[in-house]
Amino acid sequence: MGTHNVDTYTGASFSLSNRLRRLLWNITYHLFFRYSPRPFHSYRSTILRCFGAKVGKAVHVYPGVKIWAPWNLILKDECGVANGVELYSQDLITIGYRAIISQGSYLCTGSHDYTKAGHPLFTKPIVVGDRAWVASYCFVHPGVTIGEGSVIGARAVVVKDMPKWTVCAGHPCQVIKKRVMTDGLENQQTLFVKG
């Protein structure tokens, strides 16, 4: 998204205007975002909106989240992104309603084509569905969609799409079982059939 150089040995992959915009974001991040008090979620949401992010209501982005480009973020209502998460948003990252990204996880939308002499950058968007949970220290590859309600186990490496309402884990990540939830009254409900 926005790359303009197919030879990364001779120049930057992104335009000067993109790099200047990111410089302004990084200054703002370190002065006003990174060291803001933990409970100031609406304050950080406002900063992200000022830089082009689409941020819903009651979003919890913690101050220790590292964001490459806020203008490539869609954060839906009531989602949460924990300290230590890196959103490498060279392309669009969408985090769904009530989705959770736990600490230390890395969502990576960019890589390089090692089959070409210039080692050019390529980018692909990442989508984390509504009510999904990406547990601690996961790595999500470019172009991956994590289905609605899916749980991705800690330290998983997600290289392909994960289906709705499943529990997935491993390196590479794979489906382990259906996700079953209870309503608090010990009545089990399989939400897998919802989709």
C-alpha atoms as a PDB file:
ATOM      1  CA  MET A   1       0.000   0.000   0.000  1.00  0.00           C
ATOM      2  CA  GLY A   2       1.676   3.179  -1.168  1.00  0.00           C
ATOM      3  CA  THR A   3       5.037   1.573  -2.035  1.00  0.00           C
ATOM      4  CA  HIS A   4       6.907   3.210  -4.887  1.00  0.00           C
ATOM      5  CA  ASN A   5      10.335   1.564  -5.125  1.00  0.00           C
ATOM      6  CA  VAL A   6      10.918  -1.999  -6.317  1.00  0.00           C
ATOM      7  CA  ASP A   7      14.611  -2.000  -5.339  1.00  0.00           C
ATOM      8  CA  THR A   8      15.007  -1.667  -1.569  1.00  0.00           C
ATOM      9  CA  TYR A   9      18.796  -1.580  -1.911  1.00  0.00           C
ATOM     10  CA  THR A  10      18.714   1.771  -3.679  1.00  0.00           C
ATOM     11  CA  GLY A  11      15.945   3.623  -1.908  1.00  0.00           C
ATOM     12  CA  ALA A  12      13.035   3.714   0.490  1.00  0.00           C
ATOM     13  CA  SER A  13       9.910   1.653  -0.168  1.00  0.00           C
ATOM     14  CA  PHE A  14       7.603   4.537   0.752  1.00  0.00           C
ATOM     15  CA  SER A  15       7.271   8.066  -0.579  1.00  0.00           C
ATOM     16  CA  LEU A  16       8.777  11.125   1.079  1.00  0.00           C
ATOM     17  CA  SER A  17       5.313  12.363   2.079  1.00  0.00           C
ATOM     18  CA  ASN A  18       4.593   9.009   3.764  1.00  0.00           C
ATOM     19  CA  ARG A  19       7.898   9.144   5.655  1.00  0.00           C
ATOM     20  CA  LEU A  20       7.307  12.738   6.773  1.00  0.00           C
ATOM     21  CA  ARG A  21       3.826  11.821   7.981  1.00  0.00           C
ATOM     22  CA  ARG A  22       5.282   8.935   9.990  1.00  0.00           C
ATOM     23  CA  LEU A  23       7.933  11.247  11.446  1.00  0.00           C
ATOM     24  CA  LEU A  24       5.166  13.564  12.699  1.00  0.00           C
ATOM     25  CA  TRP A  25       3.297  10.551  14.088  1.00  0.00           C
ATOM     26  CA  ASN A  26       6.409   9.265  15.900  1.00  0.00           C
ATOM     27  CA  ILE A  27       7.027  12.646  17.518  1.00  0.00           C
ATOM     28  CA  THR A  28       3.392  12.792  18.634  1.00  0.00           C
ATOM     29  CA  TYR A  29       3.525   9.178  19.818  1.00  0.00           C
ATOM     30  CA  HIS A  30       6.546   9.776  22.073  1.00  0.00           C
ATOM     31  CA  LEU A  31       5.389  13.147  23.412  1.00  0.00           C
ATOM     32  CA  PHE A  32       1.668  12.552  23.926  1.00  0.00           C
ATOM     33  CA  PHE A  33       0.723   8.889  23.491  1.00  0.00           C
ATOM     34  CA  ARG A  34       3.431   6.575  24.826  1.00  0.00           C
ATOM     35  CA  TYR A  35       3.602   7.990  28.349  1.00  0.00           C
ATOM     36  CA  SER A  36      -0.052   8.876  28.818  1.00  0.00           C
ATOM     37  CA  PRO A  37      -1.744   7.366  31.911  1.00  0.00           C
ATOM     38  CA  ARG A  38      -3.111   3.860  31.361  1.00  0.00           C
ATOM     39  CA  PRO A  39      -6.791   4.749  31.977  1.00  0.00           C
ATOM     40  CA  PHE A  40      -6.755   7.557  29.335  1.00  0.00           C
ATOM     41  CA  HIS A  41      -8.193   5.402  26.560  1.00  0.00           C
ATOM     42  CA  SER A  42     -10.458   8.081  25.065  1.00  0.00           C
ATOM     43  CA  TYR A  43      -7.520  10.507  24.998  1.00  0.00           C
ATOM     44  CA  ARG A  44      -5.399   8.048  22.994  1.00  0.00           C
ATOM     45  CA  SER A  45      -8.354   7.288  20.725  1.00  0.00           C
ATOM     46  CA  THR A  46      -8.607  10.999  19.951  1.00  0.00           C
ATOM     47  CA  ILE A  47      -4.913  11.153  19.030  1.00  0.00           C
ATOM     48  CA  LEU A  48      -5.324   8.149  16.740  1.00  0.00           C
ATOM     49  CA  ARG A  49      -8.339   9.754  15.054  1.00  0.00           C
ATOM     50  CA  CYS A  50      -6.301  12.907  14.459  1.00  0.00           C
ATOM     51  CA  PHE A  51      -3.891  10.743  12.464  1.00  0.00           C
ATOM     52  CA  GLY A  52      -6.615   9.129  10.377  1.00  0.00           C
ATOM     53  CA  ALA A  53      -7.457   5.978  12.352  1.00  0.00           C
ATOM     54  CA  LYS A  54     -11.113   4.911  12.369  1.00  0.00           C
ATOM     55  CA  VAL A  55     -11.775   4.328  16.071  1.00  0.00           C
ATOM     56  CA  GLY A  56     -15.114   3.172  17.487  1.00  0.00           C
ATOM     57  CA  LYS A  57     -16.636   3.699  20.923  1.00  0.00           C
ATOM     58  CA  ALA A  58     -15.062   2.481  24.187  1.00  0.00           C
ATOM     59  CA  VAL A  59     -11.872   1.274  22.482  1.00  0.00           C
ATOM     60  CA  HIS A  60      -9.003   0.397  24.816  1.00  0.00           C
ATOM     61  CA  VAL A  61      -5.615   0.979  23.212  1.00  0.00           C
ATOM     62  CA  TYR A  62      -2.952   0.973  25.916  1.00  0.00           C
ATOM     63  CA  PRO A  63      -0.020   3.411  25.891  1.00  0.00           C
ATOM     64  CA  GLY A  64       2.591   0.707  25.243  1.00  0.00           C
ATOM     65  CA  VAL A  65       1.092  -0.256  21.854  1.00  0.00           C
ATOM     66  CA  LYS A  66       3.491   0.450  18.990  1.00  0.00           C
ATOM     67  CA  ILE A  67       1.752   1.619  15.807  1.00  0.00           C
ATOM     68  CA  TRP A  68       3.507   2.067  12.463  1.00  0.00           C
ATOM     69  CA  ALA A  69       0.795   4.164  10.745  1.00  0.00           C
ATOM     70  CA  PRO A  70      -2.480   5.041  12.516  1.00  0.00           C
ATOM     71  CA  TRP A  71      -4.187   5.951   9.228  1.00  0.00           C
ATOM     72  CA  ASN A  72      -4.116   2.239   8.348  1.00  0.00           C
ATOM     73  CA  LEU A  73      -6.145   1.204  11.410  1.00  0.00           C
ATOM     74  CA  ILE A  74      -9.828   0.379  11.873  1.00  0.00           C
ATOM     75  CA  LEU A  75     -10.626  -0.281  15.531  1.00  0.00           C
ATOM     76  CA  LYS A  76     -14.255  -1.245  16.089  1.00  0.00           C
ATOM     77  CA  ASP A  77     -16.323  -0.635  19.239  1.00  0.00           C
ATOM     78  CA  GLU A  78     -15.050  -2.053  22.538  1.00  0.00           C
ATOM     79  CA  CYS A  79     -11.965  -3.752  21.118  1.00  0.00           C
ATOM     80  CA  GLY A  80      -8.813  -3.896  23.235  1.00  0.00           C
ATOM     81  CA  VAL A  81      -5.123  -3.737  22.309  1.00  0.00           C
ATOM     82  CA  ALA A  82      -2.702  -4.449  25.183  1.00  0.00           C
ATOM     83  CA  ASN A  83       0.674  -2.997  26.074  1.00  0.00           C
ATOM     84  CA  GLY A  84       3.523  -4.492  24.091  1.00  0.00           C
ATOM     85  CA  VAL A  85       1.453  -5.167  20.971  1.00  0.00           C
ATOM     86  CA  GLU A  86       2.965  -4.052  17.682  1.00  0.00           C
ATOM     87  CA  LEU A  87       0.600  -3.063  14.882  1.00  0.00           C
ATOM     88  CA  TYR A  88       2.920  -2.970  11.865  1.00  0.00           C
ATOM     89  CA  SER A  89       0.288  -1.275   9.762  1.00  0.00           C
ATOM     90  CA  GLN A  90       2.033  -0.783   6.431  1.00  0.00           C
ATOM     91  CA  ASP A  91      -1.324  -1.992   5.089  1.00  0.00           C
ATOM     92  CA  LEU A  92      -4.781  -1.904   6.681  1.00  0.00           C
ATOM     93  CA  ILE A  93      -5.338  -3.636  10.035  1.00  0.00           C
ATOM     94  CA  THR A  94      -8.962  -4.107  11.119  1.00  0.00           C
ATOM     95  CA  ILE A  95      -9.732  -5.179  14.689  1.00  0.00           C
ATOM     96  CA  GLY A  96     -13.360  -6.147  15.201  1.00  0.00           C
ATOM     97  CA  TYR A  97     -16.005  -5.455  17.820  1.00  0.00           C
ATOM     98  CA  ARG A  98     -14.902  -6.696  21.261  1.00  0.00           C
ATOM     99  CA  ALA A  99     -11.827  -8.337  19.758  1.00  0.00           C
ATOM    100  CA  ILE A 100      -8.762  -8.564  22.012  1.00  0.00           C
ATOM    101  CA  ILE A 101      -5.096  -8.426  21.043  1.00  0.00           C
ATOM    102  CA  SER A 102      -3.029  -9.507  24.062  1.00  0.00           C
ATOM    103  CA  GLN A 103       0.383  -8.259  25.112  1.00  0.00           C
ATOM    104  CA  GLY A 104       3.409  -8.912  22.976  1.00  0.00           C
ATOM    105  CA  SER A 105       1.512  -9.912  19.847  1.00  0.00           C
ATOM    106  CA  TYR A 106       2.766  -8.675  16.475  1.00  0.00           C
ATOM    107  CA  LEU A 107       0.409  -8.040  13.560  1.00  0.00           C
ATOM    108  CA  CYS A 108       2.616  -7.691  10.472  1.00  0.00           C
ATOM    109  CA  THR A 109       1.135  -6.454   7.182  1.00  0.00           C
ATOM    110  CA  GLY A 110       4.420  -6.104   5.285  1.00  0.00           C
ATOM    111  CA  SER A 111       7.196  -8.366   4.050  1.00  0.00           C
ATOM    112  CA  HIS A 112       9.696  -8.591   1.178  1.00  0.00           C
ATOM    113  CA  ASP A 113       9.660 -10.661  -1.996  1.00  0.00           C
ATOM    114  CA  TYR A 114      12.885 -12.650  -1.737  1.00  0.00           C
ATOM    115  CA  THR A 115      12.368 -14.117  -5.244  1.00  0.00           C
ATOM    116  CA  LYS A 116      13.141 -10.739  -6.853  1.00  0.00           C
ATOM    117  CA  ALA A 117      16.558  -9.119  -7.072  1.00  0.00           C
ATOM    118  CA  GLY A 118      15.409  -5.816  -5.615  1.00  0.00           C
ATOM    119  CA  HIS A 119      13.855  -7.482  -2.540  1.00  0.00           C
ATOM    120  CA  PRO A 120      10.737  -5.284  -2.965  1.00  0.00           C
ATOM    121  CA  LEU A 121       8.312  -4.701  -0.146  1.00  0.00           C
ATOM    122  CA  PHE A 122       4.789  -6.061  -0.463  1.00  0.00           C
ATOM    123  CA  THR A 123       1.876  -5.505   1.886  1.00  0.00           C
ATOM    124  CA  LYS A 124      -1.412  -7.292   2.602  1.00  0.00           C
ATOM    125  CA  PRO A 125      -4.177  -6.330   5.069  1.00  0.00           C
ATOM    126  CA  ILE A 126      -4.970  -8.191   8.299  1.00  0.00           C
ATOM    127  CA  VAL A 127      -8.493  -8.638   9.690  1.00  0.00           C
ATOM    128  CA  VAL A 128      -9.257  -9.763  13.251  1.00  0.00           C
ATOM    129  CA  GLY A 129     -12.962 -10.593  13.433  1.00  0.00           C
ATOM    130  CA  ASP A 130     -15.527  -9.519  16.008  1.00  0.00           C
ATOM    131  CA  ARG A 131     -15.097 -11.163  19.441  1.00  0.00           C
ATOM    132  CA  ALA A 132     -11.856 -12.865  18.425  1.00  0.00           C
ATOM    133  CA  TRP A 133      -8.964 -13.132  20.883  1.00  0.00           C
ATOM    134  CA  VAL A 134      -5.322 -13.148  19.820  1.00  0.00           C
ATOM    135  CA  ALA A 135      -3.521 -14.296  22.982  1.00  0.00           C
ATOM    136  CA  SER A 136      -0.052 -13.204  24.137  1.00  0.00           C
ATOM    137  CA  TYR A 137       2.988 -13.160  21.866  1.00  0.00           C
ATOM    138  CA  CYS A 138       1.315 -14.325  18.670  1.00  0.00           C
ATOM    139  CA  PHE A 139       2.667 -13.439  15.233  1.00  0.00           C
ATOM    140  CA  VAL A 140       0.083 -12.778  12.517  1.00  0.00           C
ATOM    141  CA  HIS A 141       1.363 -12.820   8.914  1.00  0.00           C
ATOM    142  CA  PRO A 142       0.369 -10.403   6.131  1.00  0.00           C
ATOM    143  CA  GLY A 143      -2.983 -11.123   4.502  1.00  0.00           C
ATOM    144  CA  VAL A 144      -4.433 -13.224   7.332  1.00  0.00           C
ATOM    145  CA  THR A 145      -8.080 -13.065   8.412  1.00  0.00           C
ATOM    146  CA  ILE A 146      -8.896 -14.365  11.887  1.00  0.00           C
ATOM    147  CA  GLY A 147     -12.540 -15.331  11.895  1.00  0.00           C
ATOM    148  CA  GLU A 148     -15.241 -13.996  14.170  1.00  0.00           C
ATOM    149  CA  GLY A 149     -15.036 -15.466  17.672  1.00  0.00           C
ATOM    150  CA  SER A 150     -11.775 -17.337  17.087  1.00  0.00           C
ATOM    151  CA  VAL A 151      -9.226 -17.767  19.862  1.00  0.00           C
ATOM    152  CA  ILE A 152      -5.569 -17.854  18.854  1.00  0.00           C
ATOM    153  CA  GLY A 153      -3.444 -19.525  21.552  1.00  0.00           C
ATOM    154  CA  ALA A 154      -0.379 -17.858  23.042  1.00  0.00           C
ATOM    155  CA  ARG A 155       2.756 -17.737  20.875  1.00  0.00           C
ATOM    156  CA  ALA A 156       0.962 -19.061  17.806  1.00  0.00           C
ATOM    157  CA  VAL A 157       2.305 -18.185  14.356  1.00  0.00           C
ATOM    158  CA  VAL A 158      -0.681 -17.504  12.119  1.00  0.00           C
ATOM    159  CA  VAL A 159       0.238 -17.978   8.461  1.00  0.00           C
ATOM    160  CA  LYS A 160      -3.235 -18.549   6.990  1.00  0.00           C
ATOM    161  CA  ASP A 161      -6.867 -17.636   7.670  1.00  0.00           C
ATOM    162  CA  MET A 162      -8.449 -19.111  10.805  1.00  0.00           C
ATOM    163  CA  PRO A 163     -12.168 -20.067  10.726  1.00  0.00           C
ATOM    164  CA  LYS A 164     -14.950 -18.577  12.845  1.00  0.00           C
ATOM    165  CA  TRP A 165     -15.656 -19.742  16.412  1.00  0.00           C
ATOM    166  CA  THR A 166     -12.673 -22.064  16.757  1.00  0.00           C
ATOM    167  CA  VAL A 167      -9.758 -22.421  19.168  1.00  0.00           C
ATOM    168  CA  CYS A 168      -6.479 -22.446  17.274  1.00  0.00           C
ATOM    169  CA  ALA A 169      -2.840 -22.768  18.336  1.00  0.00           C
ATOM    170  CA  GLY A 170       0.605 -23.826  17.254  1.00  0.00           C
ATOM    171  CA  HIS A 171       3.467 -23.083  14.914  1.00  0.00           C
ATOM    172  CA  PRO A 172       2.049 -22.943  12.321  1.00  0.00           C
ATOM    173  CA  CYS A 173      -1.335 -22.190  13.839  1.00  0.00           C
ATOM    174  CA  GLN A 174      -4.078 -24.746  13.229  1.00  0.00           C
ATOM    175  CA  VAL A 175      -7.607 -25.448  14.437  1.00  0.00           C
ATOM    176  CA  ILE A 176      -7.764 -27.420  17.704  1.00  0.00           C
ATOM    177  CA  LYS A 177     -11.500 -27.454  18.429  1.00  0.00           C
ATOM    178  CA  LYS A 178     -14.720 -25.451  18.296  1.00  0.00           C
ATOM    179  CA  ARG A 179     -15.081 -22.531  20.675  1.00  0.00           C
ATOM    180  CA  VAL A 180     -17.807 -23.126  23.260  1.00  0.00           C
ATOM    181  CA  MET A 181     -18.985 -20.336  25.563  1.00  0.00           C
ATOM    182  CA  THR A 182     -21.221 -20.307  28.628  1.00  0.00           C
ATOM    183  CA  ASP A 183     -23.751 -17.659  29.551  1.00  0.00           C
ATOM    184  CA  GLY A 184     -22.777 -17.514  33.229  1.00  0.00           C
ATOM    185  CA  LEU A 185     -25.598 -19.851  34.232  1.00  0.00           C
ATOM    186  CA  GLU A 186     -23.616 -22.926  33.162  1.00  0.00           C
ATOM    187  CA  ASN A 187     -25.758 -23.317  30.072  1.00  0.00           C
ATOM    188  CA  GLN A 188     -23.295 -24.070  27.324  1.00  0.00           C
ATOM    189  CA  GLN A 189     -23.743 -22.453  23.984  1.00  0.00           C
ATOM    190  CA  THR A 190     -21.769 -23.349  20.865  1.00  0.00           C
ATOM    191  CA  LEU A 191     -21.340 -20.122  18.958  1.00  0.00           C
ATOM    192  CA  PHE A 192     -19.573 -21.872  16.093  1.00  0.00           C
ATOM    193  CA  VAL A 193     -22.901 -22.517  14.391  1.00  0.00           C
ATOM    194  CA  LYS A 194     -23.661 -18.802  14.377  1.00  0.00           C
ATOM    195  CA  GLY A 195     -21.639 -18.235  11.195  1.00  0.00           C
END
